[in-house]
N, C-alpha and C. Protein backbone atom coordinates (compact mmCIF):
# COMPACT_ATOMS: atom_id res chain seq x y z
N MET A 1 -18.25 38.29 25.72
CA MET A 1 -18.06 36.93 26.18
C MET A 1 -18.58 35.93 25.13
N PHE A 2 -19.74 36.25 24.57
CA PHE A 2 -20.33 35.37 23.57
C PHE A 2 -19.42 35.25 22.35
N TRP A 3 -18.90 36.38 21.86
CA TRP A 3 -18.05 36.36 20.67
C TRP A 3 -16.74 35.63 20.92
N LYS A 4 -16.19 35.81 22.06
CA LYS A 4 -14.92 35.14 22.41
C LYS A 4 -15.12 33.63 22.41
N ASN A 5 -16.19 33.18 23.02
CA ASN A 5 -16.52 31.76 23.08
C ASN A 5 -16.80 31.22 21.67
N PHE A 6 -17.56 31.99 20.89
CA PHE A 6 -17.90 31.59 19.54
C PHE A 6 -16.64 31.48 18.66
N LEU A 7 -15.76 32.47 18.74
CA LEU A 7 -14.54 32.46 17.93
C LEU A 7 -13.60 31.31 18.32
N SER A 8 -13.49 31.04 19.60
CA SER A 8 -12.61 29.94 20.01
C SER A 8 -13.14 28.60 19.51
N ARG A 9 -14.43 28.41 19.52
CA ARG A 9 -15.02 27.17 19.00
C ARG A 9 -14.89 27.10 17.48
N LEU A 10 -15.03 28.22 16.82
CA LEU A 10 -14.89 28.25 15.37
C LEU A 10 -13.46 27.92 14.95
N VAL A 11 -12.49 28.49 15.64
CA VAL A 11 -11.09 28.20 15.34
C VAL A 11 -10.78 26.72 15.59
N ALA A 12 -11.30 26.18 16.68
CA ALA A 12 -11.10 24.76 16.99
C ALA A 12 -11.70 23.88 15.89
N LEU A 13 -12.89 24.23 15.42
CA LEU A 13 -13.54 23.47 14.36
C LEU A 13 -12.74 23.54 13.06
N VAL A 14 -12.25 24.71 12.72
CA VAL A 14 -11.45 24.86 11.50
C VAL A 14 -10.18 24.03 11.59
N LEU A 15 -9.53 24.03 12.74
CA LEU A 15 -8.31 23.23 12.92
C LEU A 15 -8.59 21.73 12.79
N VAL A 16 -9.67 21.28 13.38
CA VAL A 16 -10.03 19.86 13.29
C VAL A 16 -10.29 19.46 11.84
N VAL A 17 -11.01 20.29 11.11
CA VAL A 17 -11.31 20.00 9.70
C VAL A 17 -10.02 20.00 8.89
N ALA A 18 -9.14 20.97 9.12
CA ALA A 18 -7.88 21.04 8.38
C ALA A 18 -7.01 19.81 8.66
N ILE A 19 -6.91 19.40 9.89
CA ILE A 19 -6.11 18.23 10.24
C ILE A 19 -6.72 16.97 9.63
N ALA A 20 -8.04 16.88 9.67
CA ALA A 20 -8.70 15.70 9.09
C ALA A 20 -8.46 15.62 7.59
N LEU A 21 -8.54 16.75 6.89
CA LEU A 21 -8.33 16.73 5.44
C LEU A 21 -6.89 16.41 5.08
N VAL A 22 -5.95 16.93 5.82
CA VAL A 22 -4.55 16.63 5.55
C VAL A 22 -4.24 15.18 5.86
N GLY A 23 -4.83 14.65 6.91
CA GLY A 23 -4.58 13.26 7.31
C GLY A 23 -5.22 12.25 6.39
N CYS A 24 -6.21 12.64 5.60
CA CYS A 24 -6.89 11.70 4.72
C CYS A 24 -6.10 11.41 3.46
N GLY A 25 -5.16 12.24 3.12
CA GLY A 25 -4.39 12.04 1.90
C GLY A 25 -3.43 10.88 2.03
N SER A 26 -3.03 10.34 0.90
CA SER A 26 -2.09 9.24 0.88
C SER A 26 -1.02 9.52 -0.15
N ASN A 27 0.20 9.20 0.18
CA ASN A 27 1.32 9.42 -0.73
C ASN A 27 1.61 8.20 -1.59
N SER A 28 0.83 7.14 -1.42
CA SER A 28 1.14 5.90 -2.11
C SER A 28 0.69 5.92 -3.57
N GLY A 29 -0.20 6.82 -3.94
CA GLY A 29 -0.63 6.92 -5.32
C GLY A 29 -1.77 5.99 -5.71
N LEU A 30 -2.41 5.34 -4.73
CA LEU A 30 -3.53 4.47 -5.06
C LEU A 30 -4.77 5.32 -5.33
N THR A 31 -5.57 4.89 -6.32
CA THR A 31 -6.67 5.70 -6.81
C THR A 31 -8.04 5.27 -6.30
N GLY A 32 -8.18 4.03 -5.89
CA GLY A 32 -9.49 3.52 -5.50
C GLY A 32 -10.05 2.56 -6.55
N ASN A 33 -9.42 2.47 -7.70
CA ASN A 33 -9.80 1.51 -8.73
C ASN A 33 -9.02 0.23 -8.45
N TYR A 34 -9.72 -0.83 -8.08
CA TYR A 34 -9.07 -2.05 -7.61
C TYR A 34 -8.09 -2.63 -8.63
N SER A 35 -8.49 -2.76 -9.86
CA SER A 35 -7.63 -3.37 -10.87
C SER A 35 -6.37 -2.53 -11.11
N GLN A 36 -6.55 -1.23 -11.27
CA GLN A 36 -5.40 -0.35 -11.50
C GLN A 36 -4.47 -0.33 -10.28
N ASP A 37 -5.06 -0.28 -9.10
CA ASP A 37 -4.24 -0.25 -7.88
C ASP A 37 -3.45 -1.54 -7.70
N THR A 38 -4.07 -2.66 -8.01
CA THR A 38 -3.38 -3.95 -7.88
C THR A 38 -2.19 -4.00 -8.83
N LEU A 39 -2.40 -3.59 -10.07
CA LEU A 39 -1.30 -3.61 -11.03
C LEU A 39 -0.21 -2.60 -10.66
N LYS A 40 -0.61 -1.46 -10.10
CA LYS A 40 0.38 -0.47 -9.67
C LYS A 40 1.22 -0.99 -8.51
N VAL A 41 0.58 -1.64 -7.54
CA VAL A 41 1.31 -2.22 -6.41
C VAL A 41 2.26 -3.32 -6.89
N ILE A 42 1.79 -4.14 -7.81
CA ILE A 42 2.65 -5.20 -8.36
C ILE A 42 3.86 -4.58 -9.05
N GLU A 43 3.64 -3.52 -9.80
CA GLU A 43 4.75 -2.87 -10.50
C GLU A 43 5.77 -2.29 -9.51
N THR A 44 5.28 -1.62 -8.48
CA THR A 44 6.17 -1.02 -7.49
C THR A 44 6.95 -2.10 -6.74
N LEU A 45 6.27 -3.16 -6.35
CA LEU A 45 6.94 -4.21 -5.58
C LEU A 45 7.91 -5.01 -6.44
N THR A 46 7.59 -5.19 -7.70
CA THR A 46 8.52 -5.85 -8.60
C THR A 46 9.78 -5.01 -8.77
N THR A 47 9.60 -3.71 -8.88
CA THR A 47 10.75 -2.80 -8.95
C THR A 47 11.59 -2.90 -7.68
N ALA A 48 10.92 -2.92 -6.53
CA ALA A 48 11.63 -3.02 -5.25
C ALA A 48 12.39 -4.34 -5.15
N LEU A 49 11.82 -5.42 -5.66
CA LEU A 49 12.48 -6.73 -5.60
C LEU A 49 13.69 -6.79 -6.53
N ASP A 50 13.60 -6.11 -7.68
CA ASP A 50 14.65 -6.19 -8.69
C ASP A 50 15.80 -5.20 -8.47
N LEU A 51 15.64 -4.28 -7.53
CA LEU A 51 16.70 -3.30 -7.29
C LEU A 51 17.95 -3.97 -6.74
N PRO A 52 19.11 -3.58 -7.24
CA PRO A 52 20.35 -4.10 -6.65
C PRO A 52 20.54 -3.54 -5.24
N ASN A 53 21.31 -4.25 -4.44
CA ASN A 53 21.51 -3.86 -3.04
C ASN A 53 22.18 -2.50 -2.88
N ASP A 54 22.96 -2.09 -3.87
CA ASP A 54 23.68 -0.82 -3.76
C ASP A 54 23.00 0.32 -4.53
N ALA A 55 21.74 0.16 -4.89
CA ALA A 55 21.02 1.21 -5.63
C ALA A 55 20.86 2.44 -4.74
N PRO A 56 21.08 3.63 -5.30
CA PRO A 56 20.99 4.84 -4.49
C PRO A 56 19.57 5.16 -4.00
N ASN A 57 18.55 4.74 -4.75
CA ASN A 57 17.17 5.04 -4.37
C ASN A 57 16.48 3.87 -3.68
N ARG A 58 17.23 2.92 -3.21
CA ARG A 58 16.67 1.72 -2.59
C ARG A 58 15.76 2.05 -1.40
N GLN A 59 16.20 2.95 -0.54
CA GLN A 59 15.41 3.30 0.64
C GLN A 59 14.08 3.94 0.26
N GLU A 60 14.08 4.82 -0.74
CA GLU A 60 12.85 5.48 -1.16
C GLU A 60 11.86 4.48 -1.76
N VAL A 61 12.39 3.55 -2.56
CA VAL A 61 11.52 2.54 -3.18
C VAL A 61 10.93 1.62 -2.12
N GLN A 62 11.73 1.24 -1.13
CA GLN A 62 11.21 0.39 -0.06
C GLN A 62 10.17 1.12 0.78
N THR A 63 10.39 2.40 1.01
CA THR A 63 9.41 3.19 1.77
C THR A 63 8.09 3.28 1.00
N LEU A 64 8.17 3.53 -0.31
CA LEU A 64 6.96 3.56 -1.13
C LEU A 64 6.27 2.20 -1.14
N ALA A 65 7.05 1.14 -1.21
CA ALA A 65 6.49 -0.21 -1.20
C ALA A 65 5.73 -0.46 0.11
N ARG A 66 6.30 -0.07 1.22
CA ARG A 66 5.63 -0.26 2.51
C ARG A 66 4.34 0.55 2.59
N GLU A 67 4.37 1.79 2.11
CA GLU A 67 3.17 2.62 2.11
C GLU A 67 2.08 2.01 1.24
N GLN A 68 2.47 1.53 0.06
CA GLN A 68 1.47 0.93 -0.82
C GLN A 68 0.91 -0.36 -0.24
N ILE A 69 1.75 -1.16 0.39
CA ILE A 69 1.25 -2.39 1.02
C ILE A 69 0.20 -2.04 2.06
N ASN A 70 0.51 -1.10 2.94
CA ASN A 70 -0.43 -0.71 4.00
C ASN A 70 -1.72 -0.13 3.43
N ASP A 71 -1.59 0.78 2.47
CA ASP A 71 -2.78 1.40 1.89
C ASP A 71 -3.64 0.39 1.12
N TYR A 72 -2.99 -0.47 0.37
CA TYR A 72 -3.71 -1.45 -0.44
C TYR A 72 -4.52 -2.40 0.46
N ILE A 73 -3.86 -2.97 1.46
CA ILE A 73 -4.56 -3.92 2.34
C ILE A 73 -5.66 -3.22 3.11
N SER A 74 -5.39 -2.04 3.65
CA SER A 74 -6.42 -1.36 4.44
C SER A 74 -7.59 -0.91 3.58
N ARG A 75 -7.34 -0.60 2.33
CA ARG A 75 -8.41 -0.13 1.45
C ARG A 75 -9.29 -1.28 0.96
N TYR A 76 -8.71 -2.41 0.61
CA TYR A 76 -9.48 -3.45 -0.08
C TYR A 76 -9.83 -4.67 0.78
N ARG A 77 -9.28 -4.79 1.96
CA ARG A 77 -9.56 -5.97 2.77
C ARG A 77 -11.03 -6.06 3.16
N ARG A 78 -11.64 -4.96 3.50
CA ARG A 78 -13.01 -5.00 4.01
C ARG A 78 -14.07 -4.81 2.93
N GLU A 79 -13.66 -4.54 1.73
CA GLU A 79 -14.64 -4.38 0.65
C GLU A 79 -15.14 -5.75 0.23
N SER A 80 -16.44 -5.86 0.11
CA SER A 80 -17.01 -7.15 -0.27
C SER A 80 -16.70 -7.51 -1.72
N LYS A 81 -16.57 -6.51 -2.58
CA LYS A 81 -16.29 -6.78 -3.99
C LYS A 81 -14.89 -7.36 -4.17
N SER A 82 -13.91 -6.75 -3.58
CA SER A 82 -12.53 -7.17 -3.82
C SER A 82 -12.03 -8.19 -2.80
N GLY A 83 -12.57 -8.18 -1.61
CA GLY A 83 -12.08 -9.06 -0.55
C GLY A 83 -12.22 -10.53 -0.83
N THR A 84 -13.14 -10.89 -1.72
CA THR A 84 -13.36 -12.31 -2.02
C THR A 84 -12.76 -12.74 -3.35
N LEU A 85 -12.14 -11.84 -4.07
CA LEU A 85 -11.55 -12.17 -5.37
C LEU A 85 -10.27 -12.99 -5.19
N ARG A 86 -10.02 -13.87 -6.12
CA ARG A 86 -8.81 -14.68 -6.09
C ARG A 86 -7.56 -13.80 -6.20
N SER A 87 -7.66 -12.76 -7.01
CA SER A 87 -6.52 -11.86 -7.16
C SER A 87 -6.18 -11.18 -5.83
N PHE A 88 -7.20 -10.83 -5.05
CA PHE A 88 -6.94 -10.17 -3.78
C PHE A 88 -6.33 -11.13 -2.76
N THR A 89 -6.85 -12.33 -2.69
CA THR A 89 -6.30 -13.28 -1.71
C THR A 89 -4.85 -13.64 -2.05
N THR A 90 -4.55 -13.75 -3.34
CA THR A 90 -3.16 -14.00 -3.76
C THR A 90 -2.28 -12.81 -3.40
N MET A 91 -2.77 -11.60 -3.67
CA MET A 91 -2.01 -10.40 -3.32
C MET A 91 -1.82 -10.28 -1.82
N GLN A 92 -2.85 -10.59 -1.07
CA GLN A 92 -2.76 -10.49 0.39
C GLN A 92 -1.70 -11.44 0.93
N THR A 93 -1.63 -12.64 0.39
CA THR A 93 -0.61 -13.59 0.81
C THR A 93 0.79 -13.05 0.51
N ALA A 94 0.97 -12.53 -0.69
CA ALA A 94 2.28 -11.99 -1.08
C ALA A 94 2.64 -10.77 -0.25
N LEU A 95 1.69 -9.88 -0.06
CA LEU A 95 1.96 -8.66 0.69
C LEU A 95 2.26 -8.94 2.15
N ASN A 96 1.57 -9.91 2.73
CA ASN A 96 1.85 -10.28 4.12
C ASN A 96 3.27 -10.84 4.24
N ALA A 97 3.69 -11.64 3.29
CA ALA A 97 5.05 -12.21 3.33
C ALA A 97 6.10 -11.11 3.21
N LEU A 98 5.89 -10.19 2.27
CA LEU A 98 6.86 -9.12 2.07
C LEU A 98 6.88 -8.14 3.24
N ALA A 99 5.70 -7.78 3.74
CA ALA A 99 5.64 -6.86 4.89
C ALA A 99 6.27 -7.50 6.12
N GLY A 100 6.05 -8.79 6.30
CA GLY A 100 6.67 -9.50 7.41
C GLY A 100 8.18 -9.51 7.30
N TYR A 101 8.67 -9.69 6.09
CA TYR A 101 10.12 -9.68 5.89
C TYR A 101 10.69 -8.30 6.17
N TYR A 102 10.04 -7.26 5.65
CA TYR A 102 10.50 -5.89 5.89
C TYR A 102 10.49 -5.57 7.39
N THR A 103 9.47 -6.03 8.09
CA THR A 103 9.37 -5.76 9.53
C THR A 103 10.46 -6.50 10.30
N SER A 104 10.70 -7.74 9.94
CA SER A 104 11.66 -8.55 10.69
C SER A 104 13.11 -8.25 10.34
N TYR A 105 13.38 -8.04 9.06
CA TYR A 105 14.78 -7.95 8.62
C TYR A 105 15.17 -6.59 8.06
N GLY A 106 14.24 -5.67 7.99
CA GLY A 106 14.56 -4.30 7.57
C GLY A 106 15.16 -4.20 6.18
N ASN A 107 16.37 -3.70 6.11
CA ASN A 107 17.00 -3.41 4.82
C ASN A 107 17.87 -4.54 4.29
N ARG A 108 17.83 -5.69 4.89
CA ARG A 108 18.61 -6.81 4.37
C ARG A 108 18.08 -7.22 3.00
N PRO A 109 18.95 -7.76 2.16
CA PRO A 109 18.49 -8.23 0.84
C PRO A 109 17.46 -9.36 0.98
N ILE A 110 16.50 -9.35 0.10
CA ILE A 110 15.44 -10.37 0.13
C ILE A 110 16.02 -11.66 -0.45
N PRO A 111 15.83 -12.78 0.24
CA PRO A 111 16.36 -14.06 -0.26
C PRO A 111 15.74 -14.44 -1.60
N ASP A 112 16.51 -15.16 -2.41
CA ASP A 112 16.04 -15.56 -3.74
C ASP A 112 14.78 -16.41 -3.67
N LYS A 113 14.68 -17.27 -2.68
CA LYS A 113 13.51 -18.13 -2.57
C LYS A 113 12.24 -17.30 -2.36
N LEU A 114 12.33 -16.28 -1.52
CA LEU A 114 11.17 -15.40 -1.29
C LEU A 114 10.88 -14.57 -2.54
N LYS A 115 11.91 -14.08 -3.22
CA LYS A 115 11.72 -13.32 -4.46
C LYS A 115 10.96 -14.15 -5.49
N GLN A 116 11.39 -15.38 -5.67
CA GLN A 116 10.75 -16.25 -6.66
C GLN A 116 9.29 -16.49 -6.30
N ARG A 117 9.02 -16.72 -5.02
CA ARG A 117 7.64 -16.95 -4.58
C ARG A 117 6.79 -15.70 -4.82
N LEU A 118 7.32 -14.53 -4.47
CA LEU A 118 6.57 -13.30 -4.66
C LEU A 118 6.32 -13.02 -6.14
N GLN A 119 7.32 -13.23 -6.98
CA GLN A 119 7.14 -13.00 -8.42
C GLN A 119 6.08 -13.93 -8.99
N LYS A 120 6.05 -15.16 -8.52
CA LYS A 120 5.04 -16.13 -8.97
C LYS A 120 3.64 -15.68 -8.54
N GLU A 121 3.52 -15.23 -7.28
CA GLU A 121 2.22 -14.77 -6.80
C GLU A 121 1.78 -13.49 -7.50
N PHE A 122 2.71 -12.59 -7.79
CA PHE A 122 2.36 -11.38 -8.53
C PHE A 122 1.88 -11.72 -9.93
N GLN A 123 2.51 -12.69 -10.55
CA GLN A 123 2.08 -13.13 -11.88
C GLN A 123 0.67 -13.73 -11.82
N GLN A 124 0.41 -14.55 -10.82
CA GLN A 124 -0.92 -15.14 -10.66
C GLN A 124 -1.97 -14.06 -10.44
N ALA A 125 -1.65 -13.05 -9.63
CA ALA A 125 -2.60 -11.98 -9.37
C ALA A 125 -2.85 -11.16 -10.64
N SER A 126 -1.81 -10.91 -11.43
CA SER A 126 -1.98 -10.17 -12.68
C SER A 126 -2.89 -10.91 -13.64
N VAL A 127 -2.70 -12.21 -13.75
CA VAL A 127 -3.53 -13.03 -14.62
C VAL A 127 -4.99 -13.01 -14.13
N ALA A 128 -5.15 -13.11 -12.81
CA ALA A 128 -6.51 -13.09 -12.25
C ALA A 128 -7.19 -11.74 -12.47
N ILE A 129 -6.43 -10.66 -12.41
CA ILE A 129 -6.99 -9.32 -12.69
C ILE A 129 -7.46 -9.24 -14.13
N GLU A 130 -6.65 -9.76 -15.06
CA GLU A 130 -7.03 -9.74 -16.47
C GLU A 130 -8.30 -10.54 -16.72
N ARG A 131 -8.48 -11.61 -15.98
CA ARG A 131 -9.67 -12.45 -16.13
C ARG A 131 -10.88 -11.89 -15.35
N GLY A 132 -10.59 -10.96 -14.44
CA GLY A 132 -11.68 -10.37 -13.66
C GLY A 132 -12.07 -11.17 -12.44
N VAL A 133 -11.17 -12.01 -11.96
CA VAL A 133 -11.45 -12.81 -10.75
C VAL A 133 -10.49 -12.49 -9.64
């Protein structure tokens, strides 16, 4: 009876640890380095914005963009170091606008006015990263 109880608890513990470790991974490719991650997200989102409407990999790029938006905001919003930087607040504004558009309009083409605004904000964030602010 003791061994049966012990083994069932051990198996349950191993399963919980395995699920936790698998669930902790991210497919977005963010590393935890704020500057590198910001530039990587900007690069991915710029690629997503510049893709033609009939591109064969459009869906995959948009899916990666959504994953990176979610991972980036959840990773850096609560950090005291990055949460107060000008580059982060600019990125947060741009990412909220793009995520809102993706949520509301799905796969429709992004309007030129929004593209121009996002490109301007990405440029501002890149400059702020280079300056360290």
